[in-house]
Amino acid sequence: MTAPSNLTTEAGRRIAYHHSPGTGPTIVFLGGFKSDMGGTKAVHLEAWCQARERAFLRFDYSGHGESDGAFEDGCIGEWAADARAVLEQVAQGPLLLIGSSMGGWISLLMAKALPERIAGMITIAAAPDFTEDGYWAGFSEDQRQTVMSDGRIAIPSDYGEPYIITRKLIEDGRKNLVLRDPLHLPFPVRFLQGTADEDVPMEWATKLLAHATGPDMRLVCLKDADHRFSDPVSLKLVEDAVENVLSVID
């Protein structure tokens, strides 16, 4: 497997990435919470883009995958800064962002940070504001006190080791919420969501659709698809969404 390239952010974090040259806009995959760029969706989309000579970029946030740092030391603001560094230092021209789960939140933050460069967006089980509306809202009073006093709490995960949710993650998340203020997306947007997703409820998808404004926005639900969204039917839906957005912006 090809070794990743690396860059260093202004904050000194080393970020690993894979960039495939090709025609634009550059298609960028932004992964989820504690996932990495070696996942099924990212690698599948890379091969799909390479077969069509489309520029493609995947990367790991700090504390994820092959990038430096410890996961529990990170937060939304730092991971968004990592994403912005990769977009500014590696990708040129217009961007088509594909954000999975937390990557959907990061994509929305990039739409605010780099509005002149975003040509289109696709989200897969987008989880904007999940630190507040998911973790904090779901914590018991005892759990909230543990986070605030101890600085962290371990939460069981269906994907392996428990997630360490830190006070830093919660407090920084509040500085990066996107569903409390106007959210205008002036480009084609496709929100993809599985009806059997137990991590990101359908209500979050419909809330995002209702909250955001834009001229070309659609929510596409796939019955019985789970949060991974990595089976052949789900991947084909992602491909179809990419082709659809490209047909609008090319």
C-alpha atoms as a PDB file:
ATOM      1  CA  MET A   1       0.000   0.000   0.000  1.00  0.00           C
ATOM      2  CA  THR A   2       1.332   3.444  -0.913  1.00  0.00           C
ATOM      3  CA  ALA A   3       2.698   5.457   1.993  1.00  0.00           C
ATOM      4  CA  PRO A   4       0.834   8.702   2.674  1.00  0.00           C
ATOM      5  CA  SER A   5       2.180  12.170   2.090  1.00  0.00           C
ATOM      6  CA  ASN A   6       2.391  14.497   5.077  1.00  0.00           C
ATOM      7  CA  LEU A   7       1.995  18.163   5.878  1.00  0.00           C
ATOM      8  CA  THR A   8       2.390  20.199   9.035  1.00  0.00           C
ATOM      9  CA  THR A   9      -0.322  22.585  10.177  1.00  0.00           C
ATOM     10  CA  GLU A  10       0.348  26.031  11.641  1.00  0.00           C
ATOM     11  CA  ALA A  11      -0.238  24.458  15.061  1.00  0.00           C
ATOM     12  CA  GLY A  12       2.524  21.930  14.389  1.00  0.00           C
ATOM     13  CA  ARG A  13       0.333  18.868  13.867  1.00  0.00           C
ATOM     14  CA  ARG A  14       1.527  16.370  11.238  1.00  0.00           C
ATOM     15  CA  ILE A  15      -1.347  15.347   8.981  1.00  0.00           C
ATOM     16  CA  ALA A  16      -1.183  12.313   6.679  1.00  0.00           C
ATOM     17  CA  TYR A  17      -3.019  12.324   3.364  1.00  0.00           C
ATOM     18  CA  HIS A  18      -3.379  10.681  -0.034  1.00  0.00           C
ATOM     19  CA  HIS A  19      -3.928  12.904  -3.061  1.00  0.00           C
ATOM     20  CA  SER A  20      -4.715  11.618  -6.558  1.00  0.00           C
ATOM     21  CA  PRO A  21      -4.370  14.164  -9.381  1.00  0.00           C
ATOM     22  CA  GLY A  22      -7.077  14.526 -11.984  1.00  0.00           C
ATOM     23  CA  THR A  23      -9.725  16.838 -13.318  1.00  0.00           C
ATOM     24  CA  GLY A  24     -11.590  19.074 -10.904  1.00  0.00           C
ATOM     25  CA  PRO A  25     -13.357  19.827  -8.771  1.00  0.00           C
ATOM     26  CA  THR A  26     -11.237  17.922  -6.259  1.00  0.00           C
ATOM     27  CA  ILE A  27     -13.389  15.368  -4.471  1.00  0.00           C
ATOM     28  CA  VAL A  28     -12.457  15.323  -0.779  1.00  0.00           C
ATOM     29  CA  PHE A  29     -13.465  12.642   1.718  1.00  0.00           C
ATOM     30  CA  LEU A  30     -13.762  13.808   5.324  1.00  0.00           C
ATOM     31  CA  GLY A  31     -14.003  10.907   7.749  1.00  0.00           C
ATOM     32  CA  GLY A  32     -15.880  10.418  10.970  1.00  0.00           C
ATOM     33  CA  PHE A  33     -15.192  10.422  14.695  1.00  0.00           C
ATOM     34  CA  LYS A  34     -12.264   8.077  15.424  1.00  0.00           C
ATOM     35  CA  SER A  35     -12.360   6.673  11.874  1.00  0.00           C
ATOM     36  CA  ASP A  36      -9.543   6.959   9.357  1.00  0.00           C
ATOM     37  CA  MET A  37      -8.829   7.434   5.672  1.00  0.00           C
ATOM     38  CA  GLY A  38      -8.258   3.704   5.208  1.00  0.00           C
ATOM     39  CA  GLY A  39     -11.949   2.949   5.671  1.00  0.00           C
ATOM     40  CA  THR A  40     -14.147   1.301   3.056  1.00  0.00           C
ATOM     41  CA  LYS A  41     -15.889   4.456   1.829  1.00  0.00           C
ATOM     42  CA  ALA A  42     -12.721   6.519   1.465  1.00  0.00           C
ATOM     43  CA  VAL A  43     -10.762   3.820  -0.369  1.00  0.00           C
ATOM     44  CA  HIS A  44     -13.735   2.934  -2.582  1.00  0.00           C
ATOM     45  CA  LEU A  45     -14.244   6.544  -3.606  1.00  0.00           C
ATOM     46  CA  GLU A  46     -10.549   6.958  -4.307  1.00  0.00           C
ATOM     47  CA  ALA A  47     -10.606   4.002  -6.726  1.00  0.00           C
ATOM     48  CA  TRP A  48     -13.826   5.307  -8.284  1.00  0.00           C
ATOM     49  CA  CYS A  49     -12.274   8.725  -8.878  1.00  0.00           C
ATOM     50  CA  GLN A  50      -8.986   7.338 -10.176  1.00  0.00           C
ATOM     51  CA  ALA A  51     -10.863   5.221 -12.734  1.00  0.00           C
ATOM     52  CA  ARG A  52     -12.494   8.422 -14.002  1.00  0.00           C
ATOM     53  CA  GLU A  53      -9.342  10.568 -13.730  1.00  0.00           C
ATOM     54  CA  ARG A  54     -10.981  12.768 -11.115  1.00  0.00           C
ATOM     55  CA  ALA A  55      -8.880  14.561  -8.518  1.00  0.00           C
ATOM     56  CA  PHE A  56      -9.369  12.991  -5.092  1.00  0.00           C
ATOM     57  CA  LEU A  57      -8.107  13.674  -1.578  1.00  0.00           C
ATOM     58  CA  ARG A  58      -8.444  11.717   1.670  1.00  0.00           C
ATOM     59  CA  PHE A  59      -6.680  12.439   4.954  1.00  0.00           C
ATOM     60  CA  ASP A  60      -6.566  11.703   8.678  1.00  0.00           C
ATOM     61  CA  TYR A  61      -7.312  14.331  11.301  1.00  0.00           C
ATOM     62  CA  SER A  62      -4.753  14.596  14.093  1.00  0.00           C
ATOM     63  CA  GLY A  63      -5.168  11.726  16.540  1.00  0.00           C
ATOM     64  CA  HIS A  64      -6.705   9.583  13.805  1.00  0.00           C
ATOM     65  CA  GLY A  65      -5.195   6.934  11.546  1.00  0.00           C
ATOM     66  CA  GLU A  66      -1.701   7.764  10.321  1.00  0.00           C
ATOM     67  CA  SER A  67      -1.566  11.365  11.529  1.00  0.00           C
ATOM     68  CA  ASP A  68       0.252  12.410  14.688  1.00  0.00           C
ATOM     69  CA  GLY A  69      -1.350  12.932  18.065  1.00  0.00           C
ATOM     70  CA  ALA A  70      -3.624  11.149  20.513  1.00  0.00           C
ATOM     71  CA  PHE A  71      -7.326  10.956  19.750  1.00  0.00           C
ATOM     72  CA  GLU A  72      -8.417  12.030  23.222  1.00  0.00           C
ATOM     73  CA  ASP A  73      -6.317  15.209  22.956  1.00  0.00           C
ATOM     74  CA  GLY A  74      -8.291  16.475  19.957  1.00  0.00           C
ATOM     75  CA  CYS A  75     -11.512  18.394  19.446  1.00  0.00           C
ATOM     76  CA  ILE A  76     -13.801  19.623  16.677  1.00  0.00           C
ATOM     77  CA  GLY A  77     -12.063  22.960  16.250  1.00  0.00           C
ATOM     78  CA  GLU A  78      -8.632  21.352  15.888  1.00  0.00           C
ATOM     79  CA  TRP A  79      -9.901  18.722  13.457  1.00  0.00           C
ATOM     80  CA  ALA A  80     -11.593  21.423  11.404  1.00  0.00           C
ATOM     81  CA  ALA A  81      -8.284  23.323  11.364  1.00  0.00           C
ATOM     82  CA  ASP A  82      -6.568  20.137  10.164  1.00  0.00           C
ATOM     83  CA  ALA A  83      -9.110  19.816   7.355  1.00  0.00           C
ATOM     84  CA  ARG A  84      -8.674  23.429   6.340  1.00  0.00           C
ATOM     85  CA  ALA A  85      -4.882  23.040   6.252  1.00  0.00           C
ATOM     86  CA  VAL A  86      -5.164  20.048   3.917  1.00  0.00           C
ATOM     87  CA  LEU A  87      -7.646  21.826   1.656  1.00  0.00           C
ATOM     88  CA  GLU A  88      -5.493  24.937   1.452  1.00  0.00           C
ATOM     89  CA  GLN A  89      -2.106  23.258   1.118  1.00  0.00           C
ATOM     90  CA  VAL A  90      -2.934  20.267  -1.100  1.00  0.00           C
ATOM     91  CA  ALA A  91      -6.110  20.755  -3.120  1.00  0.00           C
ATOM     92  CA  GLN A  92      -6.369  23.442  -5.759  1.00  0.00           C
ATOM     93  CA  GLY A  93      -9.473  25.079  -7.160  1.00  0.00           C
ATOM     94  CA  PRO A  94     -13.091  24.111  -6.468  1.00  0.00           C
ATOM     95  CA  LEU A  95     -13.930  21.362  -3.986  1.00  0.00           C
ATOM     96  CA  LEU A  96     -16.645  18.729  -3.729  1.00  0.00           C
ATOM     97  CA  LEU A  97     -16.723  17.687  -0.083  1.00  0.00           C
ATOM     98  CA  ILE A  98     -17.971  14.259   1.016  1.00  0.00           C
ATOM     99  CA  GLY A  99     -18.376  14.270   4.789  1.00  0.00           C
ATOM    100  CA  SER A 100     -19.151  11.089   6.699  1.00  0.00           C
ATOM    101  CA  SER A 101     -20.709  11.405  10.180  1.00  0.00           C
ATOM    102  CA  MET A 102     -18.477  13.901  12.027  1.00  0.00           C
ATOM    103  CA  GLY A 103     -17.015  14.664   8.609  1.00  0.00           C
ATOM    104  CA  GLY A 104     -20.407  16.108   7.729  1.00  0.00           C
ATOM    105  CA  TRP A 105     -20.025  18.595  10.585  1.00  0.00           C
ATOM    106  CA  ILE A 106     -16.469  19.404   9.493  1.00  0.00           C
ATOM    107  CA  SER A 107     -17.713  19.892   5.908  1.00  0.00           C
ATOM    108  CA  LEU A 108     -20.297  22.410   7.100  1.00  0.00           C
ATOM    109  CA  LEU A 109     -17.570  24.262   8.986  1.00  0.00           C
ATOM    110  CA  MET A 110     -15.485  24.314   5.790  1.00  0.00           C
ATOM    111  CA  ALA A 111     -18.448  25.799   3.929  1.00  0.00           C
ATOM    112  CA  LYS A 112     -18.310  28.677   6.415  1.00  0.00           C
ATOM    113  CA  ALA A 113     -14.510  28.968   6.382  1.00  0.00           C
ATOM    114  CA  LEU A 114     -13.906  28.600   2.634  1.00  0.00           C
ATOM    115  CA  PRO A 115     -17.185  29.628   0.959  1.00  0.00           C
ATOM    116  CA  GLU A 116     -15.528  30.669  -2.280  1.00  0.00           C
ATOM    117  CA  ARG A 117     -14.043  27.208  -2.860  1.00  0.00           C
ATOM    118  CA  ILE A 118     -16.910  24.824  -2.084  1.00  0.00           C
ATOM    119  CA  ALA A 119     -18.642  23.783  -5.299  1.00  0.00           C
ATOM    120  CA  GLY A 120     -20.763  20.997  -3.852  1.00  0.00           C
ATOM    121  CA  MET A 121     -21.300  18.832  -0.803  1.00  0.00           C
ATOM    122  CA  ILE A 122     -22.427  15.296  -0.005  1.00  0.00           C
ATOM    123  CA  THR A 123     -22.889  14.097   3.548  1.00  0.00           C
ATOM    124  CA  ILE A 124     -23.289  10.524   4.756  1.00  0.00           C
ATOM    125  CA  ALA A 125     -25.111  10.278   8.089  1.00  0.00           C
ATOM    126  CA  ALA A 126     -24.035  13.815   8.911  1.00  0.00           C
ATOM    127  CA  ALA A 127     -23.619  14.475  12.632  1.00  0.00           C
ATOM    128  CA  PRO A 128     -23.391  18.239  13.117  1.00  0.00           C
ATOM    129  CA  ASP A 129     -23.312  19.392  16.737  1.00  0.00           C
ATOM    130  CA  PHE A 130     -23.154  15.759  17.971  1.00  0.00           C
ATOM    131  CA  THR A 131     -21.005  16.637  20.978  1.00  0.00           C
ATOM    132  CA  GLU A 132     -23.854  18.759  22.317  1.00  0.00           C
ATOM    133  CA  ASP A 133     -26.991  17.158  20.880  1.00  0.00           C
ATOM    134  CA  GLY A 134     -25.711  13.594  21.139  1.00  0.00           C
ATOM    135  CA  TYR A 135     -23.254  13.098  23.968  1.00  0.00           C
ATOM    136  CA  TRP A 136     -24.022  15.987  26.318  1.00  0.00           C
ATOM    137  CA  ALA A 137     -27.791  15.785  25.807  1.00  0.00           C
ATOM    138  CA  GLY A 138     -27.693  12.033  26.447  1.00  0.00           C
ATOM    139  CA  PHE A 139     -25.476  12.136  29.528  1.00  0.00           C
ATOM    140  CA  SER A 140     -26.956  11.629  32.968  1.00  0.00           C
ATOM    141  CA  GLU A 141     -26.237  14.273  35.592  1.00  0.00           C
ATOM    142  CA  ASP A 142     -23.580  11.970  37.072  1.00  0.00           C
ATOM    143  CA  GLN A 143     -21.898  11.581  33.696  1.00  0.00           C
ATOM    144  CA  ARG A 144     -21.916  15.331  33.159  1.00  0.00           C
ATOM    145  CA  GLN A 145     -20.315  15.854  36.535  1.00  0.00           C
ATOM    146  CA  THR A 146     -17.669  13.233  35.739  1.00  0.00           C
ATOM    147  CA  VAL A 147     -16.755  14.946  32.469  1.00  0.00           C
ATOM    148  CA  MET A 148     -16.501  18.355  34.105  1.00  0.00           C
ATOM    149  CA  SER A 149     -14.609  17.232  37.223  1.00  0.00           C
ATOM    150  CA  ASP A 150     -12.393  14.466  35.816  1.00  0.00           C
ATOM    151  CA  GLY A 151     -12.023  15.965  32.353  1.00  0.00           C
ATOM    152  CA  ARG A 152     -13.102  12.768  30.606  1.00  0.00           C
ATOM    153  CA  ILE A 153     -15.422   9.791  30.583  1.00  0.00           C
ATOM    154  CA  ALA A 154     -15.280   6.444  28.754  1.00  0.00           C
ATOM    155  CA  ILE A 155     -18.321   5.603  26.636  1.00  0.00           C
ATOM    156  CA  PRO A 156     -18.851   2.059  25.240  1.00  0.00           C
ATOM    157  CA  SER A 157     -18.579   1.797  21.466  1.00  0.00           C
ATOM    158  CA  ASP A 158     -19.910  -0.712  18.943  1.00  0.00           C
ATOM    159  CA  TYR A 159     -16.728  -0.165  16.914  1.00  0.00           C
ATOM    160  CA  GLY A 160     -14.086  -1.405  19.361  1.00  0.00           C
ATOM    161  CA  GLU A 161     -12.511   0.303  22.351  1.00  0.00           C
ATOM    162  CA  PRO A 162     -14.604   2.760  24.374  1.00  0.00           C
ATOM    163  CA  TYR A 163     -14.663   6.354  23.181  1.00  0.00           C
ATOM    164  CA  ILE A 164     -12.995   8.814  25.550  1.00  0.00           C
ATOM    165  CA  ILE A 165     -15.219  11.885  25.652  1.00  0.00           C
ATOM    166  CA  THR A 166     -13.365  14.829  27.146  1.00  0.00           C
ATOM    167  CA  ARG A 167     -14.375  18.115  28.676  1.00  0.00           C
ATOM    168  CA  LYS A 168     -12.274  19.758  25.970  1.00  0.00           C
ATOM    169  CA  LEU A 169     -14.311  18.019  23.262  1.00  0.00           C
ATOM    170  CA  ILE A 170     -17.605  19.151  24.788  1.00  0.00           C
ATOM    171  CA  GLU A 171     -16.559  22.737  25.452  1.00  0.00           C
ATOM    172  CA  ASP A 172     -14.847  23.188  22.108  1.00  0.00           C
ATOM    173  CA  GLY A 173     -17.828  21.635  20.331  1.00  0.00           C
ATOM    174  CA  ARG A 174     -19.990  24.454  21.708  1.00  0.00           C
ATOM    175  CA  LYS A 175     -17.742  26.960  19.932  1.00  0.00           C
ATOM    176  CA  ASN A 176     -18.327  25.210  16.585  1.00  0.00           C
ATOM    177  CA  LEU A 177     -22.071  24.495  16.556  1.00  0.00           C
ATOM    178  CA  VAL A 178     -23.681  25.012  13.139  1.00  0.00           C
ATOM    179  CA  LEU A 179     -27.374  24.407  13.814  1.00  0.00           C
ATOM    180  CA  ARG A 180     -27.893  27.384  16.146  1.00  0.00           C
ATOM    181  CA  ASP A 181     -27.223  30.079  13.539  1.00  0.00           C
ATOM    182  CA  PRO A 182     -28.162  30.516   9.863  1.00  0.00           C
ATOM    183  CA  LEU A 183     -26.521  27.908   7.633  1.00  0.00           C
ATOM    184  CA  HIS A 184     -26.585  28.816   3.958  1.00  0.00           C
ATOM    185  CA  LEU A 185     -25.217  26.311   1.440  1.00  0.00           C
ATOM    186  CA  PRO A 186     -25.263  28.017  -1.979  1.00  0.00           C
ATOM    187  CA  PHE A 187     -24.258  24.930  -3.991  1.00  0.00           C
ATOM    188  CA  PRO A 188     -25.725  21.485  -4.739  1.00  0.00           C
ATOM    189  CA  VAL A 189     -26.029  19.448  -1.539  1.00  0.00           C
ATOM    190  CA  ARG A 190     -27.030  15.805  -1.096  1.00  0.00           C
ATOM    191  CA  PHE A 191     -27.624  14.510   2.427  1.00  0.00           C
ATOM    192  CA  LEU A 192     -27.536  10.683   2.512  1.00  0.00           C
ATOM    193  CA  GLN A 193     -28.979   8.810   5.473  1.00  0.00           C
ATOM    194  CA  GLY A 194     -29.702   5.185   6.386  1.00  0.00           C
ATOM    195  CA  THR A 195     -32.987   4.426   8.123  1.00  0.00           C
ATOM    196  CA  ALA A 196     -31.342   1.747  10.315  1.00  0.00           C
ATOM    197  CA  ASP A 197     -28.586   4.073  11.567  1.00  0.00           C
ATOM    198  CA  GLU A 198     -28.368   3.650  15.348  1.00  0.00           C
ATOM    199  CA  ASP A 199     -25.663   6.308  15.792  1.00  0.00           C
ATOM    200  CA  VAL A 200     -27.156   9.217  13.859  1.00  0.00           C
ATOM    201  CA  PRO A 201     -30.960   9.223  14.067  1.00  0.00           C
ATOM    202  CA  MET A 202     -33.157  10.107  11.120  1.00  0.00           C
ATOM    203  CA  GLU A 203     -34.359  13.132  13.064  1.00  0.00           C
ATOM    204  CA  TRP A 204     -30.903  14.681  12.785  1.00  0.00           C
ATOM    205  CA  ALA A 205     -31.018  14.393   8.994  1.00  0.00           C
ATOM    206  CA  THR A 206     -34.419  16.024   8.729  1.00  0.00           C
ATOM    207  CA  LYS A 207     -33.381  18.723  11.219  1.00  0.00           C
ATOM    208  CA  LEU A 208     -30.333  19.561   9.103  1.00  0.00           C
ATOM    209  CA  LEU A 209     -32.423  19.666   5.947  1.00  0.00           C
ATOM    210  CA  ALA A 210     -34.977  21.945   7.587  1.00  0.00           C
ATOM    211  CA  HIS A 211     -32.362  24.251   9.105  1.00  0.00           C
ATOM    212  CA  ALA A 212     -30.017  24.763   6.167  1.00  0.00           C
ATOM    213  CA  THR A 213     -30.917  26.987   3.246  1.00  0.00           C
ATOM    214  CA  GLY A 214     -29.783  26.704  -0.349  1.00  0.00           C
ATOM    215  CA  PRO A 215     -30.974  26.483  -3.950  1.00  0.00           C
ATOM    216  CA  ASP A 216     -30.360  22.764  -4.524  1.00  0.00           C
ATOM    217  CA  MET A 217     -30.636  20.597  -1.436  1.00  0.00           C
ATOM    218  CA  ARG A 218     -31.919  17.022  -1.151  1.00  0.00           C
ATOM    219  CA  LEU A 219     -32.169  14.373   1.540  1.00  0.00           C
ATOM    220  CA  VAL A 220     -31.909  10.810   0.240  1.00  0.00           C
ATOM    221  CA  CYS A 221     -32.785   8.008   2.672  1.00  0.00           C
ATOM    222  CA  LEU A 222     -31.767   4.403   2.134  1.00  0.00           C
ATOM    223  CA  LYS A 223     -34.020   1.905   3.865  1.00  0.00           C
ATOM    224  CA  ASP A 224     -32.264  -0.511   6.259  1.00  0.00           C
ATOM    225  CA  ALA A 225     -28.820   1.052   5.747  1.00  0.00           C
ATOM    226  CA  ASP A 226     -26.803   1.397   8.964  1.00  0.00           C
ATOM    227  CA  HIS A 227     -24.244   3.975  10.064  1.00  0.00           C
ATOM    228  CA  ARG A 228     -21.352   2.336   8.252  1.00  0.00           C
ATOM    229  CA  PHE A 229     -23.057   2.920   4.872  1.00  0.00           C
ATOM    230  CA  SER A 230     -20.387   0.685   3.329  1.00  0.00           C
ATOM    231  CA  ASP A 231     -22.296  -2.185   1.706  1.00  0.00           C
ATOM    232  CA  PRO A 232     -22.509  -2.298  -2.119  1.00  0.00           C
ATOM    233  CA  VAL A 233     -25.969  -0.704  -2.272  1.00  0.00           C
ATOM    234  CA  SER A 234     -24.906   2.165   0.000  1.00  0.00           C
ATOM    235  CA  LEU A 235     -21.671   2.747  -1.905  1.00  0.00           C
ATOM    236  CA  LYS A 236     -23.597   2.835  -5.181  1.00  0.00           C
ATOM    237  CA  LEU A 237     -25.853   5.522  -3.717  1.00  0.00           C
ATOM    238  CA  VAL A 238     -22.787   7.573  -2.819  1.00  0.00           C
ATOM    239  CA  GLU A 239     -21.462   7.154  -6.367  1.00  0.00           C
ATOM    240  CA  ASP A 240     -24.807   8.245  -7.770  1.00  0.00           C
ATOM    241  CA  ALA A 241     -24.789  11.321  -5.538  1.00  0.00           C
ATOM    242  CA  VAL A 242     -21.292  12.254  -6.704  1.00  0.00           C
ATOM    243  CA  GLU A 243     -22.279  11.873 -10.344  1.00  0.00           C
ATOM    244  CA  ASN A 244     -25.420  13.908  -9.763  1.00  0.00           C
ATOM    245  CA  VAL A 245     -23.579  16.793  -8.108  1.00  0.00           C
ATOM    246  CA  LEU A 246     -20.837  16.722 -10.746  1.00  0.00           C
ATOM    247  CA  SER A 247     -23.462  16.913 -13.487  1.00  0.00           C
ATOM    248  CA  VAL A 248     -24.673  20.153 -11.936  1.00  0.00           C
ATOM    249  CA  ILE A 249     -21.316  21.832 -11.316  1.00  0.00           C
ATOM    250  CA  ASP A 250     -19.156  20.574 -14.204  1.00  0.00           C
END
